[in-house]
PDB file of N, CA and C in Angstrom:
ATOM      1  N   MET A   1    -127.490-127.680  53.191  1.00  0.00           N
ATOM      2  CA  MET A   1    -127.785-129.604  52.759  1.00  0.00           C
ATOM      3  C   MET A   1    -128.965-129.749  53.759  1.00  0.00           C
ATOM      4  N   VAL A   2    -129.706-130.716  53.214  1.00  0.00           N
ATOM      5  CA  VAL A   2    -131.299-130.957  53.780  1.00  0.00           C
ATOM      6  C   VAL A   2    -131.534-132.210  53.920  1.00  0.00           C
ATOM      7  N   ALA A   3    -131.230-133.313  55.141  1.00  0.00           N
ATOM      8  CA  ALA A   3    -131.129-134.725  55.138  1.00  0.00           C
ATOM      9  C   ALA A   3    -132.674-135.224  55.527  1.00  0.00           C
ATOM     10  N   GLY A   4    -133.040-136.527  54.679  1.00  0.00           N
ATOM     11  CA  GLY A   4    -134.270-136.912  55.414  1.00  0.00           C
ATOM     12  C   GLY A   4    -134.592-138.362  54.802  1.00  0.00           C
ATOM     13  N   PRO A   5    -134.448-139.091  54.970  1.00  0.00           N
ATOM     14  CA  PRO A   5    -134.526-140.563  54.660  1.00  0.00           C
ATOM     15  C   PRO A   5    -135.536-141.069  53.746  1.00  0.00           C
ATOM     16  N   LEU A   6    -136.832-140.099  54.103  1.00  0.00           N
ATOM     17  CA  LEU A   6    -137.726-140.461  53.108  1.00  0.00           C
ATOM     18  C   LEU A   6    -138.049-139.517  51.915  1.00  0.00           C
ATOM     19  N   ASN A   7    -136.934-138.556  52.044  1.00  0.00           N
ATOM     20  CA  ASN A   7    -137.687-137.751  50.938  1.00  0.00           C
ATOM     21  C   ASN A   7    -137.517-138.236  49.444  1.00  0.00           C
ATOM     22  N   GLY A   8    -136.841-138.828  49.196  1.00  0.00           N
ATOM     23  CA  GLY A   8    -136.989-139.361  47.714  1.00  0.00           C
ATOM     24  C   GLY A   8    -135.857-138.940  47.049  1.00  0.00           C
ATOM     25  N   GLY A   9    -134.699-138.401  47.568  1.00  0.00           N
ATOM     26  CA  GLY A   9    -133.554-137.656  47.007  1.00  0.00           C
ATOM     27  C   GLY A   9    -133.766-136.354  46.542  1.00  0.00           C
ATOM     28  N   ASN A  10    -135.385-135.820  46.867  1.00  0.00           N
ATOM     29  CA  ASN A  10    -135.659-134.642  46.562  1.00  0.00           C
ATOM     30  C   ASN A  10    -135.327-133.683  47.372  1.00  0.00           C
ATOM     31  N   LEU A  11    -134.061-133.268  47.563  1.00  0.00           N
ATOM     32  CA  LEU A  11    -133.804-132.258  48.769  1.00  0.00           C
ATOM     33  C   LEU A  11    -134.270-130.725  48.910  1.00  0.00           C
ATOM     34  N   PRO A  12    -135.053-130.595  49.662  1.00  0.00           N
ATOM     35  CA  PRO A  12    -135.470-128.920  49.367  1.00  0.00           C
ATOM     36  C   PRO A  12    -134.389-128.028  49.497  1.00  0.00           C
ATOM     37  N   ASP A  13    -134.323-126.796  48.867  1.00  0.00           N
ATOM     38  CA  ASP A  13    -133.255-125.764  49.148  1.00  0.00           C
ATOM     39  C   ASP A  13    -133.181-125.452  50.448  1.00  0.00           C
ATOM     40  N   LEU A  14    -131.873-124.849  51.185  1.00  0.00           N
ATOM     41  CA  LEU A  14    -131.664-124.766  52.848  1.00  0.00           C
ATOM     42  C   LEU A  14    -132.392-123.303  52.661  1.00  0.00           C
ATOM     43  N   GLN A  15    -132.703-122.797  51.995  1.00  0.00           N
ATOM     44  CA  GLN A  15    -133.164-120.993  52.283  1.00  0.00           C
ATOM     45  C   GLN A  15    -134.546-121.715  52.441  1.00  0.00           C
ATOM     46  N   ILE A  16    -135.344-122.111  51.394  1.00  0.00           N
ATOM     47  CA  ILE A  16    -136.912-122.503  51.412  1.00  0.00           C
ATOM     48  C   ILE A  16    -137.211-123.168  52.950  1.00  0.00           C
ATOM     49  N   VAL A  17    -136.672-123.815  53.284  1.00  0.00           N
ATOM     50  CA  VAL A  17    -136.862-124.587  54.555  1.00  0.00           C
ATOM     51  C   VAL A  17    -136.625-123.737  55.694  1.00  0.00           C
ATOM     52  N   LEU A  18    -135.569-122.662  55.876  1.00  0.00           N
ATOM     53  CA  LEU A  18    -135.526-121.423  56.840  1.00  0.00           C
ATOM     54  C   LEU A  18    -136.119-120.468  56.935  1.00  0.00           C
ATOM     55  N   ASP A  19    -136.958-119.901  55.225  1.00  0.00           N
ATOM     56  CA  ASP A  19    -137.830-119.318  55.319  1.00  0.00           C
ATOM     57  C   ASP A  19    -139.200-119.752  55.816  1.00  0.00           C
ATOM     58  N   ALA A  20    -139.564-121.084  55.489  1.00  0.00           N
ATOM     59  CA  ALA A  20    -140.639-121.431  56.429  1.00  0.00           C
ATOM     60  C   ALA A  20    -141.035-121.504  57.977  1.00  0.00           C
ATOM     61  N   LEU A  21    -139.922-121.992  58.149  1.00  0.00           N
ATOM     62  CA  LEU A  21    -139.680-121.872  59.888  1.00  0.00           C
ATOM     63  C   LEU A  21    -139.561-120.698  60.137  1.00  0.00           C
ATOM     64  N   ASP A  22    -139.134-119.696  59.573  1.00  0.00           N
ATOM     65  CA  ASP A  22    -138.952-118.371  60.096  1.00  0.00           C
ATOM     66  C   ASP A  22    -140.255-117.622  60.005  1.00  0.00           C
ATOM     67  N   ASP A  23    -141.631-118.214  59.263  1.00  0.00           N
ATOM     68  CA  ASP A  23    -142.391-117.669  58.821  1.00  0.00           C
ATOM     69  C   ASP A  23    -143.590-118.021  59.744  1.00  0.00           C
ATOM     70  N   GLU A  24    -144.276-116.755  60.887  1.00  0.00           N
ATOM     71  CA  GLU A  24    -144.871-117.155  61.825  1.00  0.00           C
ATOM     72  C   GLU A  24    -146.195-117.709  61.527  1.00  0.00           C
ATOM     73  N   ASP A  25    -146.862-117.275  60.339  1.00  0.00           N
ATOM     74  CA  ASP A  25    -148.236-118.260  60.065  1.00  0.00           C
ATOM     75  C   ASP A  25    -147.929-119.803  59.426  1.00  0.00           C
ATOM     76  N   CYS A  26    -146.583-120.017  58.939  1.00  0.00           N
ATOM     77  CA  CYS A  26    -146.405-121.345  58.766  1.00  0.00           C
ATOM     78  C   CYS A  26    -145.952-121.957  60.094  1.00  0.00           C
ATOM     79  N   ARG A  27    -145.750-121.301  61.154  1.00  0.00           N
ATOM     80  CA  ARG A  27    -145.543-122.165  62.433  1.00  0.00           C
ATOM     81  C   ARG A  27    -146.693-122.534  62.954  1.00  0.00           C
ATOM     82  N   ARG A  28    -147.406-121.615  62.711  1.00  0.00           N
ATOM     83  CA  ARG A  28    -148.688-121.657  63.301  1.00  0.00           C
ATOM     84  C   ARG A  28    -149.699-123.041  62.776  1.00  0.00           C
ATOM     85  N   ILE A  29    -149.336-122.856  61.362  1.00  0.00           N
ATOM     86  CA  ILE A  29    -150.033-124.153  60.580  1.00  0.00           C
ATOM     87  C   ILE A  29    -149.717-125.630  61.325  1.00  0.00           C
ATOM     88  N   ILE A  30    -148.360-125.590  61.671  1.00  0.00           N
ATOM     89  CA  ILE A  30    -147.568-126.583  61.922  1.00  0.00           C
ATOM     90  C   ILE A  30    -148.127-127.212  63.212  1.00  0.00           C
ATOM     91  N   GLU A  31    -148.436-125.968  64.391  1.00  0.00           N
ATOM     92  CA  GLU A  31    -148.849-126.068  65.695  1.00  0.00           C
ATOM     93  C   GLU A  31    -150.310-126.736  65.427  1.00  0.00           C
ATOM     94  N   VAL A  32    -151.188-126.250  64.620  1.00  0.00           N
ATOM     95  CA  VAL A  32    -152.862-126.812  64.429  1.00  0.00           C
ATOM     96  C   VAL A  32    -152.476-127.898  63.968  1.00  0.00           C
ATOM     97  N   LEU A  33    -151.656-128.633  62.986  1.00  0.00           N
ATOM     98  CA  LEU A  33    -151.987-129.742  62.399  1.00  0.00           C
ATOM     99  C   LEU A  33    -151.266-131.274  63.570  1.00  0.00           C
ATOM    100  N   SER A  34    -152.044-131.364  64.432  1.00  0.00           N
ATOM    101  CA  SER A  34    -152.160-132.684  65.291  1.00  0.00           C
ATOM    102  C   SER A  34    -152.838-133.898  64.000  1.00  0.00           C
ATOM    103  N   SER A  35    -153.681-133.699  63.331  1.00  0.00           N
ATOM    104  CA  SER A  35    -154.086-134.943  62.340  1.00  0.00           C
ATOM    105  C   SER A  35    -154.218-134.235  60.785  1.00  0.00           C
ATOM    106  N   PRO A  36    -154.334-134.551  60.091  1.00  0.00           N
ATOM    107  CA  PRO A  36    -154.464-134.393  59.050  1.00  0.00           C
ATOM    108  C   PRO A  36    -155.478-133.589  58.910  1.00  0.00           C
ATOM    109  N   MET A  37    -155.654-132.210  57.976  1.00  0.00           N
ATOM    110  CA  MET A  37    -156.715-131.233  57.835  1.00  0.00           C
ATOM    111  C   MET A  37    -156.777-130.882  56.406  1.00  0.00           C
ATOM    112  N   THR A  38    -158.116-130.062  55.961  1.00  0.00           N
ATOM    113  CA  THR A  38    -158.137-129.781  54.595  1.00  0.00           C
ATOM    114  C   THR A  38    -157.351-128.238  54.957  1.00  0.00           C
ATOM    115  N   ALA A  39    -157.318-127.558  53.512  1.00  0.00           N
ATOM    116  CA  ALA A  39    -156.920-126.517  53.727  1.00  0.00           C
ATOM    117  C   ALA A  39    -157.912-125.461  54.631  1.00  0.00           C
ATOM    118  N   LYS A  40    -159.240-125.635  54.327  1.00  0.00           N
ATOM    119  CA  LYS A  40    -160.275-124.981  55.016  1.00  0.00           C
ATOM    120  C   LYS A  40    -160.105-125.159  56.521  1.00  0.00           C
ATOM    121  N   GLU A  41    -159.892-126.156  56.724  1.00  0.00           N
ATOM    122  CA  GLU A  41    -159.752-126.383  58.081  1.00  0.00           C
ATOM    123  C   GLU A  41    -158.932-125.621  58.772  1.00  0.00           C
ATOM    124  N   ILE A  42    -157.860-125.671  58.024  1.00  0.00           N
ATOM    125  CA  ILE A  42    -156.472-125.079  58.806  1.00  0.00           C
ATOM    126  C   ILE A  42    -156.671-123.287  58.769  1.00  0.00           C
ATOM    127  N   SER A  43    -157.127-122.870  57.561  1.00  0.00           N
ATOM    128  CA  SER A  43    -157.841-121.608  57.688  1.00  0.00           C
ATOM    129  C   SER A  43    -158.730-121.198  58.861  1.00  0.00           C
ATOM    130  N   ASP A  44    -159.723-122.290  59.086  1.00  0.00           N
ATOM    131  CA  ASP A  44    -160.758-121.720  60.478  1.00  0.00           C
ATOM    132  C   ASP A  44    -159.767-121.915  61.227  1.00  0.00           C
ATOM    133  N   GLN A  45    -159.040-122.721  61.556  1.00  0.00           N
ATOM    134  CA  GLN A  45    -157.797-122.980  63.314  1.00  0.00           C
ATOM    135  C   GLN A  45    -156.959-121.856  63.341  1.00  0.00           C
ATOM    136  N   CYS A  46    -156.666-121.464  62.282  1.00  0.00           N
ATOM    137  CA  CYS A  46    -155.547-120.491  62.261  1.00  0.00           C
ATOM    138  C   CYS A  46    -156.346-118.981  62.336  1.00  0.00           C
ATOM    139  N   GLU A  47    -157.194-118.787  61.774  1.00  0.00           N
ATOM    140  CA  GLU A  47    -158.143-117.671  61.471  1.00  0.00           C
ATOM    141  C   GLU A  47    -157.300-116.890  60.501  1.00  0.00           C
ATOM    142  N   MET A  48    -156.947-117.261  59.322  1.00  0.00           N
ATOM    143  CA  MET A  48    -156.618-116.540  58.495  1.00  0.00           C
ATOM    144  C   MET A  48    -157.202-116.894  57.104  1.00  0.00           C
ATOM    145  N   PRO A  49    -156.989-115.817  56.269  1.00  0.00           N
ATOM    146  CA  PRO A  49    -157.619-115.916  54.847  1.00  0.00           C
ATOM    147  C   PRO A  49    -157.129-117.292  54.267  1.00  0.00           C
ATOM    148  N   LEU A  50    -158.174-117.620  53.495  1.00  0.00           N
ATOM    149  CA  LEU A  50    -157.766-118.976  52.655  1.00  0.00           C
ATOM    150  C   LEU A  50    -156.451-118.674  51.603  1.00  0.00           C
ATOM    151  N   SER A  51    -156.746-117.593  51.110  1.00  0.00           N
ATOM    152  CA  SER A  51    -155.438-117.314  50.215  1.00  0.00           C
ATOM    153  C   SER A  51    -154.457-117.536  50.745  1.00  0.00           C
ATOM    154  N   THR A  52    -154.213-116.682  51.816  1.00  0.00           N
ATOM    155  CA  THR A  52    -152.925-116.606  52.596  1.00  0.00           C
ATOM    156  C   THR A  52    -152.371-118.296  53.217  1.00  0.00           C
ATOM    157  N   THR A  53    -153.582-118.978  53.240  1.00  0.00           N
ATOM    158  CA  THR A  53    -153.346-120.380  53.931  1.00  0.00           C
ATOM    159  C   THR A  53    -152.730-121.259  52.578  1.00  0.00           C
ATOM    160  N   TYR A  54    -153.395-121.071  51.763  1.00  0.00           N
ATOM    161  CA  TYR A  54    -152.426-121.705  50.632  1.00  0.00           C
ATOM    162  C   TYR A  54    -151.326-121.332  50.042  1.00  0.00           C
ATOM    163  N   ARG A  55    -150.946-120.222  50.328  1.00  0.00           N
ATOM    164  CA  ARG A  55    -149.714-119.782  50.188  1.00  0.00           C
ATOM    165  C   ARG A  55    -148.901-120.246  50.993  1.00  0.00           C
ATOM    166  N   LYS A  56    -149.108-120.346  52.362  1.00  0.00           N
ATOM    167  CA  LYS A  56    -148.061-120.967  53.141  1.00  0.00           C
ATOM    168  C   LYS A  56    -148.604-122.579  53.330  1.00  0.00           C
ATOM    169  N   LEU A  57    -149.126-123.242  52.746  1.00  0.00           N
ATOM    170  CA  LEU A  57    -149.293-124.769  52.428  1.00  0.00           C
ATOM    171  C   LEU A  57    -148.308-124.795  51.405  1.00  0.00           C
ATOM    172  N   ASP A  58    -148.524-124.128  50.225  1.00  0.00           N
ATOM    173  CA  ASP A  58    -147.305-124.364  49.495  1.00  0.00           C
ATOM    174  C   ASP A  58    -145.557-124.254  49.722  1.00  0.00           C
ATOM    175  N   LEU A  59    -145.996-122.933  50.465  1.00  0.00           N
ATOM    176  CA  LEU A  59    -144.259-123.131  51.417  1.00  0.00           C
ATOM    177  C   LEU A  59    -143.578-124.110  51.925  1.00  0.00           C
ATOM    178  N   LEU A  60    -144.855-124.456  52.941  1.00  0.00           N
ATOM    179  CA  LEU A  60    -144.461-125.795  53.834  1.00  0.00           C
ATOM    180  C   LEU A  60    -144.534-127.098  53.097  1.00  0.00           C
ATOM    181  N   THR A  61    -145.025-127.594  51.614  1.00  0.00           N
ATOM    182  CA  THR A  61    -144.907-128.453  51.043  1.00  0.00           C
ATOM    183  C   THR A  61    -143.681-128.341  50.182  1.00  0.00           C
ATOM    184  N   GLU A  62    -143.259-127.183  50.069  1.00  0.00           N
ATOM    185  CA  GLU A  62    -142.306-127.321  49.112  1.00  0.00           C
ATOM    186  C   GLU A  62    -140.900-127.174  50.042  1.00  0.00           C
ATOM    187  N   ALA A  63    -140.844-126.997  51.263  1.00  0.00           N
ATOM    188  CA  ALA A  63    -139.903-127.123  52.182  1.00  0.00           C
ATOM    189  C   ALA A  63    -139.526-128.473  52.580  1.00  0.00           C
ATOM    190  N   THR A  64    -140.834-129.453  52.173  1.00  0.00           N
ATOM    191  CA  THR A  64    -140.966-130.947  52.583  1.00  0.00           C
ATOM    192  C   THR A  64    -141.165-130.896  54.262  1.00  0.00           C
ATOM    193  N   LEU A  65    -141.935-130.068  54.849  1.00  0.00           N
ATOM    194  CA  LEU A  65    -142.426-130.205  56.005  1.00  0.00           C
ATOM    195  C   LEU A  65    -143.628-130.580  56.707  1.00  0.00           C
ATOM    196  N   LEU A  66    -144.155-130.315  55.383  1.00  0.00           N
ATOM    197  CA  LEU A  66    -145.675-131.027  55.420  1.00  0.00           C
ATOM    198  C   LEU A  66    -146.135-131.887  54.286  1.00  0.00           C
ATOM    199  N   SER A  67    -146.666-132.721  54.148  1.00  0.00           N
ATOM    200  CA  SER A  67    -146.975-133.716  53.079  1.00  0.00           C
ATOM    201  C   SER A  67    -148.496-133.324  52.586  1.00  0.00           C
ATOM    202  N   GLU A  68    -149.090-133.753  51.450  1.00  0.00           N
ATOM    203  CA  GLU A  68    -150.368-133.634  51.041  1.00  0.00           C
ATOM    204  C   GLU A  68    -150.839-134.730  50.621  1.00  0.00           C
ATOM    205  N   ARG A  69    -151.982-135.108  50.423  1.00  0.00           N
ATOM    206  CA  ARG A  69    -152.244-136.037  49.773  1.00  0.00           C
ATOM    207  C   ARG A  69    -154.091-136.004  49.458  1.00  0.00           C
ATOM    208  N   THR A  70    -154.258-136.928  48.455  1.00  0.00           N
ATOM    209  CA  THR A  70    -155.837-136.462  47.843  1.00  0.00           C
ATOM    210  C   THR A  70    -156.591-137.759  48.940  1.00  0.00           C
ATOM    211  N   VAL A  71    -157.731-137.486  48.939  1.00  0.00           N
ATOM    212  CA  VAL A  71    -158.839-138.518  49.712  1.00  0.00           C
ATOM    213  C   VAL A  71    -160.005-138.298  48.928  1.00  0.00           C
ATOM    214  N   ILE A  72    -160.192-139.578  48.268  1.00  0.00           N
ATOM    215  CA  ILE A  72    -161.096-140.074  47.176  1.00  0.00           C
ATOM    216  C   ILE A  72    -162.379-140.313  48.342  1.00  0.00           C
ATOM    217  N   GLN A  73    -163.180-139.414  47.740  1.00  0.00           N
ATOM    218  CA  GLN A  73    -164.796-139.760  48.659  1.00  0.00           C
ATOM    219  C   GLN A  73    -165.682-140.302  47.994  1.00  0.00           C
ATOM    220  N   SER A  74    -166.650-141.144  48.392  1.00  0.00           N
ATOM    221  CA  SER A  74    -167.566-141.946  47.607  1.00  0.00           C
ATOM    222  C   SER A  74    -168.238-141.368  46.660  1.00  0.00           C
ATOM    223  N   ASP A  75    -168.730-140.032  47.104  1.00  0.00           N
ATOM    224  CA  ASP A  75    -169.373-139.304  46.021  1.00  0.00           C
ATOM    225  C   ASP A  75    -168.611-138.505  45.264  1.00  0.00           C
ATOM    226  N   GLY A  76    -167.669-138.615  44.760  1.00  0.00           N
ATOM    227  CA  GLY A  76    -166.769-138.115  43.862  1.00  0.00           C
ATOM    228  C   GLY A  76    -165.862-137.156  43.767  1.00  0.00           C
ATOM    229  N   HIS A  77    -166.137-136.502  44.838  1.00  0.00           N
ATOM    230  CA  HIS A  77    -165.364-135.323  45.265  1.00  0.00           C
ATOM    231  C   HIS A  77    -164.354-135.715  45.736  1.00  0.00           C
ATOM    232  N   HIS A  78    -163.023-134.828  45.751  1.00  0.00           N
ATOM    233  CA  HIS A  78    -161.644-135.229  46.269  1.00  0.00           C
ATOM    234  C   HIS A  78    -161.451-134.229  46.973  1.00  0.00           C
ATOM    235  N   THR A  79    -160.558-134.638  48.551  1.00  0.00           N
ATOM    236  CA  THR A  79    -160.307-133.585  48.993  1.00  0.00           C
ATOM    237  C   THR A  79    -158.662-133.935  49.353  1.00  0.00           C
ATOM    238  N   THR A  80    -158.210-132.616  49.387  1.00  0.00           N
ATOM    239  CA  THR A  80    -156.772-132.329  49.682  1.00  0.00           C
ATOM    240  C   THR A  80    -156.241-132.180  51.161  1.00  0.00           C
ATOM    241  N   GLN A  81    -155.548-133.084  52.064  1.00  0.00           N
ATOM    242  CA  GLN A  81    -155.242-132.960  53.205  1.00  0.00           C
ATOM    243  C   GLN A  81    -153.862-133.159  53.415  1.00  0.00           C
ATOM    244  N   TYR A  82    -153.662-132.295  54.464  1.00  0.00           N
ATOM    245  CA  TYR A  82    -152.073-131.711  54.793  1.00  0.00           C
ATOM    246  C   TYR A  82    -152.028-132.531  56.210  1.00  0.00           C
ATOM    247  N   GLU A  83    -150.908-132.818  56.040  1.00  0.00           N
ATOM    248  CA  GLU A  83    -150.004-133.366  57.543  1.00  0.00           C
ATOM    249  C   GLU A  83    -148.682-132.870  57.590  1.00  0.00           C
ATOM    250  N   VAL A  84    -147.962-132.759  58.862  1.00  0.00           N
ATOM    251  CA  VAL A  84    -146.526-132.385  59.198  1.00  0.00           C
ATOM    252  C   VAL A  84    -145.901-133.921  58.916  1.00  0.00           C
ATOM    253  N   ALA A  85    -144.792-133.696  58.403  1.00  0.00           N
ATOM    254  CA  ALA A  85    -144.180-134.450  57.515  1.00  0.00           C
ATOM    255  C   ALA A  85    -142.622-134.615  58.131  1.00  0.00           C
ATOM    256  N   PHE A  86    -142.549-134.444  59.426  1.00  0.00           N
ATOM    257  CA  PHE A  86    -141.153-134.459  60.303  1.00  0.00           C
ATOM    258  C   PHE A  86    -141.414-134.699  61.551  1.00  0.00           C
ATOM    259  N   GLU A  87    -140.423-135.126  62.468  1.00  0.00           N
ATOM    260  CA  GLU A  87    -140.586-135.215  63.709  1.00  0.00           C
ATOM    261  C   GLU A  87    -139.562-134.090  64.088  1.00  0.00           C
ATOM    262  N   ARG A  88    -138.200-134.106  63.476  1.00  0.00           N
ATOM    263  CA  ARG A  88    -137.554-132.846  64.111  1.00  0.00           C
ATOM    264  C   ARG A  88    -136.473-132.391  63.222  1.00  0.00           C
ATOM    265  N   VAL A  89    -136.635-130.993  63.164  1.00  0.00           N
ATOM    266  CA  VAL A  89    -135.617-130.296  61.997  1.00  0.00           C
ATOM    267  C   VAL A  89    -134.757-129.731  62.822  1.00  0.00           C
ATOM    268  N   GLU A  90    -133.062-129.932  62.641  1.00  0.00           N
ATOM    269  CA  GLU A  90    -131.964-129.670  63.298  1.00  0.00           C
ATOM    270  C   GLU A  90    -131.047-128.762  62.225  1.00  0.00           C
ATOM    271  N   ILE A  91    -130.809-128.119  62.734  1.00  0.00           N
ATOM    272  CA  ILE A  91    -130.257-126.739  62.103  1.00  0.00           C
ATOM    273  C   ILE A  91    -128.418-126.567  62.832  1.00  0.00           C
ATOM    274  N   LYS A  92    -127.476-127.104  61.810  1.00  0.00           N
ATOM    275  CA  LYS A  92    -125.887-127.120  62.548  1.00  0.00           C
ATOM    276  C   LYS A  92    -125.166-126.531  61.599  1.00  0.00           C
ATOM    277  N   LEU A  93    -124.115-126.060  62.451  1.00  0.00           N
ATOM    278  CA  LEU A  93    -123.084-125.535  61.855  1.00  0.00           C
ATOM    279  C   LEU A  93    -121.790-126.638  61.600  1.00  0.00           C
ATOM    280  N   ASP A  94    -121.340-127.088  60.602  1.00  0.00           N
ATOM    281  CA  ASP A  94    -120.168-127.973  60.888  1.00  0.00           C
ATOM    282  C   ASP A  94    -119.261-127.396  60.894  1.00  0.00           C
ATOM    283  N   GLU A  95    -117.865-128.697  61.034  1.00  0.00           N
ATOM    284  CA  GLU A  95    -116.885-127.861  61.102  1.00  0.00           C
ATOM    285  C   GLU A  95    -115.891-127.357  60.114  1.00  0.00           C
ATOM    286  N   ASP A  96    -116.589-126.941  58.698  1.00  0.00           N
ATOM    287  CA  ASP A  96    -116.351-126.020  57.763  1.00  0.00           C
ATOM    288  C   ASP A  96    -117.006-124.775  57.492  1.00  0.00           C
ATOM    289  N   HIS A  97    -117.553-124.711  58.691  1.00  0.00           N
ATOM    290  CA  HIS A  97    -118.959-123.587  58.798  1.00  0.00           C
ATOM    291  C   HIS A  97    -119.626-123.575  57.819  1.00  0.00           C
ATOM    292  N   ASP A  98    -120.069-124.612  57.482  1.00  0.00           N
ATOM    293  CA  ASP A  98    -121.133-125.052  56.592  1.00  0.00           C
ATOM    294  C   ASP A  98    -122.784-125.220  57.355  1.00  0.00           C
ATOM    295  N   VAL A  99    -123.565-124.452  56.953  1.00  0.00           N
ATOM    296  CA  VAL A  99    -124.793-124.782  57.522  1.00  0.00           C
ATOM    297  C   VAL A  99    -125.476-125.694  56.904  1.00  0.00           C
ATOM    298  N   THR A 100    -125.857-126.532  57.678  1.00  0.00           N
ATOM    299  CA  THR A 100    -126.749-127.900  57.333  1.00  0.00           C
ATOM    300  C   THR A 100    -128.005-127.949  58.260  1.00  0.00           C
ATOM    301  N   VAL A 101    -128.861-128.600  57.201  1.00  0.00           N
ATOM    302  CA  VAL A 101    -130.397-128.879  58.319  1.00  0.00           C
ATOM    303  C   VAL A 101    -130.517-130.532  57.834  1.00  0.00           C
ATOM    304  N   ALA A 102    -131.115-130.988  59.159  1.00  0.00           N
ATOM    305  CA  ALA A 102    -131.294-132.067  58.896  1.00  0.00           C
ATOM    306  C   ALA A 102    -133.168-132.487  59.170  1.00  0.00           C
ATOM    307  N   ILE A 103    -133.589-132.856  58.378  1.00  0.00           N
ATOM    308  CA  ILE A 103    -135.091-133.021  58.787  1.00  0.00           C
ATOM    309  C   ILE A 103    -135.383-134.647  59.227  1.00  0.00           C
ATOM    310  N   GLN A 104    -135.385-135.097  60.407  1.00  0.00           N
ATOM    311  CA  GLN A 104    -136.050-136.309  60.742  1.00  0.00           C
ATOM    312  C   GLN A 104    -137.275-136.600  60.202  1.00  0.00           C
ATOM    313  N   ARG A 105    -137.563-137.453  59.764  1.00  0.00           N
ATOM    314  CA  ARG A 105    -138.839-138.079  59.203  1.00  0.00           C
ATOM    315  C   ARG A 105    -139.545-138.951  60.049  1.00  0.00           C
ATOM    316  N   THR A 106    -140.656-138.880  60.022  1.00  0.00           N
ATOM    317  CA  THR A 106    -142.007-139.693  60.536  1.00  0.00           C
ATOM    318  C   THR A 106    -141.894-141.410  59.689  1.00  0.00           C
ATOM    319  N   PRO A 107    -141.605-142.499  60.200  1.00  0.00           N
ATOM    320  CA  PRO A 107    -141.664-143.507  59.265  1.00  0.00           C
ATOM    321  C   PRO A 107    -142.848-143.876  58.666  1.00  0.00           C
ATOM    322  N   GLU A 108    -142.882-144.041  57.537  1.00  0.00           N
ATOM    323  CA  GLU A 108    -144.170-144.187  57.005  1.00  0.00           C
ATOM    324  C   GLU A 108    -144.368-145.807  56.562  1.00  0.00           C
ATOM    325  N   SER A 109    -145.824-146.004  56.626  1.00  0.00           N
ATOM    326  CA  SER A 109    -146.372-147.049  56.816  1.00  0.00           C
ATOM    327  C   SER A 109    -146.123-147.527  55.095  1.00  0.00           C
ATOM    328  N   THR A 110    -146.664-149.037  54.980  1.00  0.00           N
ATOM    329  CA  THR A 110    -146.715-149.070  53.305  1.00  0.00           C
ATOM    330  C   THR A 110    -147.664-148.576  52.747  1.00  0.00           C
ATOM    331  N   ASP A 111    -148.826-148.662  53.336  1.00  0.00           N
ATOM    332  CA  ASP A 111    -149.903-147.888  52.693  1.00  0.00           C
ATOM    333  C   ASP A 111    -149.423-146.300  52.460  1.00  0.00           C
ATOM    334  N   GLU A 112    -149.078-145.711  53.085  1.00  0.00           N
ATOM    335  CA  GLU A 112    -148.252-144.152  52.973  1.00  0.00           C
ATOM    336  C   GLU A 112    -147.635-144.213  52.092  1.00  0.00           C
ATOM    337  N   ARG A 113    -146.548-145.600  51.965  1.00  0.00           N
ATOM    338  CA  ARG A 113    -145.662-145.101  50.657  1.00  0.00           C
ATOM    339  C   ARG A 113    -145.926-145.369  49.621  1.00  0.00           C
ATOM    340  N   LEU A 114    -146.893-146.441  49.164  1.00  0.00           N
ATOM    341  CA  LEU A 114    -147.677-146.534  48.336  1.00  0.00           C
ATOM    342  C   LEU A 114    -148.874-145.360  47.844  1.00  0.00           C
ATOM    343  N   GLU A 115    -149.295-144.562  48.710  1.00  0.00           N
ATOM    344  CA  GLU A 115    -150.026-143.674  48.097  1.00  0.00           C
ATOM    345  C   GLU A 115    -148.952-142.337  48.100  1.00  0.00           C
ATOM    346  N   SER A 116    -148.038-142.267  48.185  1.00  0.00           N
ATOM    347  CA  SER A 116    -146.884-141.400  47.925  1.00  0.00           C
ATOM    348  C   SER A 116    -146.356-141.434  46.523  1.00  0.00           C
ATOM    349  N   LEU A 117    -146.086-142.910  46.370  1.00  0.00           N
ATOM    350  CA  LEU A 117    -145.898-143.387  45.023  1.00  0.00           C
ATOM    351  C   LEU A 117    -146.800-142.955  43.645  1.00  0.00           C
ATOM    352  N   TRP A 118    -148.213-143.127  44.479  1.00  0.00           N
ATOM    353  CA  TRP A 118    -149.388-143.025  43.140  1.00  0.00           C
ATOM    354  C   TRP A 118    -149.295-141.233  43.077  1.00  0.00           C
ATOM    355  N   ALA A 119    -149.018-140.392  43.951  1.00  0.00           N
ATOM    356  CA  ALA A 119    -148.898-139.039  44.271  1.00  0.00           C
ATOM    357  C   ALA A 119    -147.973-138.414  42.950  1.00  0.00           C
ATOM    358  N   GLU A 120    -146.709-139.406  43.345  1.00  0.00           N
ATOM    359  CA  GLU A 120    -145.936-139.015  41.954  1.00  0.00           C
ATOM    360  C   GLU A 120    -146.162-139.533  40.800  1.00  0.00           C
ATOM    361  N   VAL A 121    -146.828-140.049  40.468  1.00  0.00           N
ATOM    362  CA  VAL A 121    -147.038-140.742  39.478  1.00  0.00           C
ATOM    363  C   VAL A 121    -148.468-139.741  38.791  1.00  0.00           C
ATOM    364  N   ARG A 122    -149.222-139.443  39.800  1.00  0.00           N
ATOM    365  CA  ARG A 122    -150.351-138.491  39.042  1.00  0.00           C
ATOM    366  C   ARG A 122    -149.630-136.879  38.887  1.00  0.00           C
ATOM    367  N   LYS A 123    -148.530-136.507  39.475  1.00  0.00           N
ATOM    368  CA  LYS A 123    -147.689-135.528  39.250  1.00  0.00           C
ATOM    369  C   LYS A 123    -147.317-135.574  37.816  1.00  0.00           C
ATOM    370  N   GLU A 124    -146.661-136.682  37.503  1.00  0.00           N
ATOM    371  CA  GLU A 124    -146.003-137.091  36.303  1.00  0.00           C
ATOM    372  C   GLU A 124    -146.910-136.789  34.821  1.00  0.00           C
ATOM    373  N   THR A 125    -148.408-137.190  35.145  1.00  0.00           N
ATOM    374  CA  THR A 125    -149.045-137.778  34.109  1.00  0.00           C
ATOM    375  C   THR A 125    -149.920-136.450  33.867  1.00  0.00           C
TER     376      THR A 125
END
């Protein structure tokens, strides 16, 4: 089980979270993301091929450890930026010996919540 107050009920599979955290490249991406960055910027910072970077970003976003947002620029080009979407990840063994993962999220501002809503609408269309 994965818990997080801001993930809208879409809980990632426990194994996906564990796979992402077990991957050295994924952990390196999390470490360099002190502010939102594009895939190209992440690729350059981590010194890994862009194709590998995209695979790792997909894994991290599926695990809800990263969020992505589209930045619309005045010249009409759109850029996707990635940022860390958690403050803490806890893995616990409960009294029934079930493994649980709790993901503590960074509180979202009103603008970020609106941006998340629009991102969900775009996915549906």
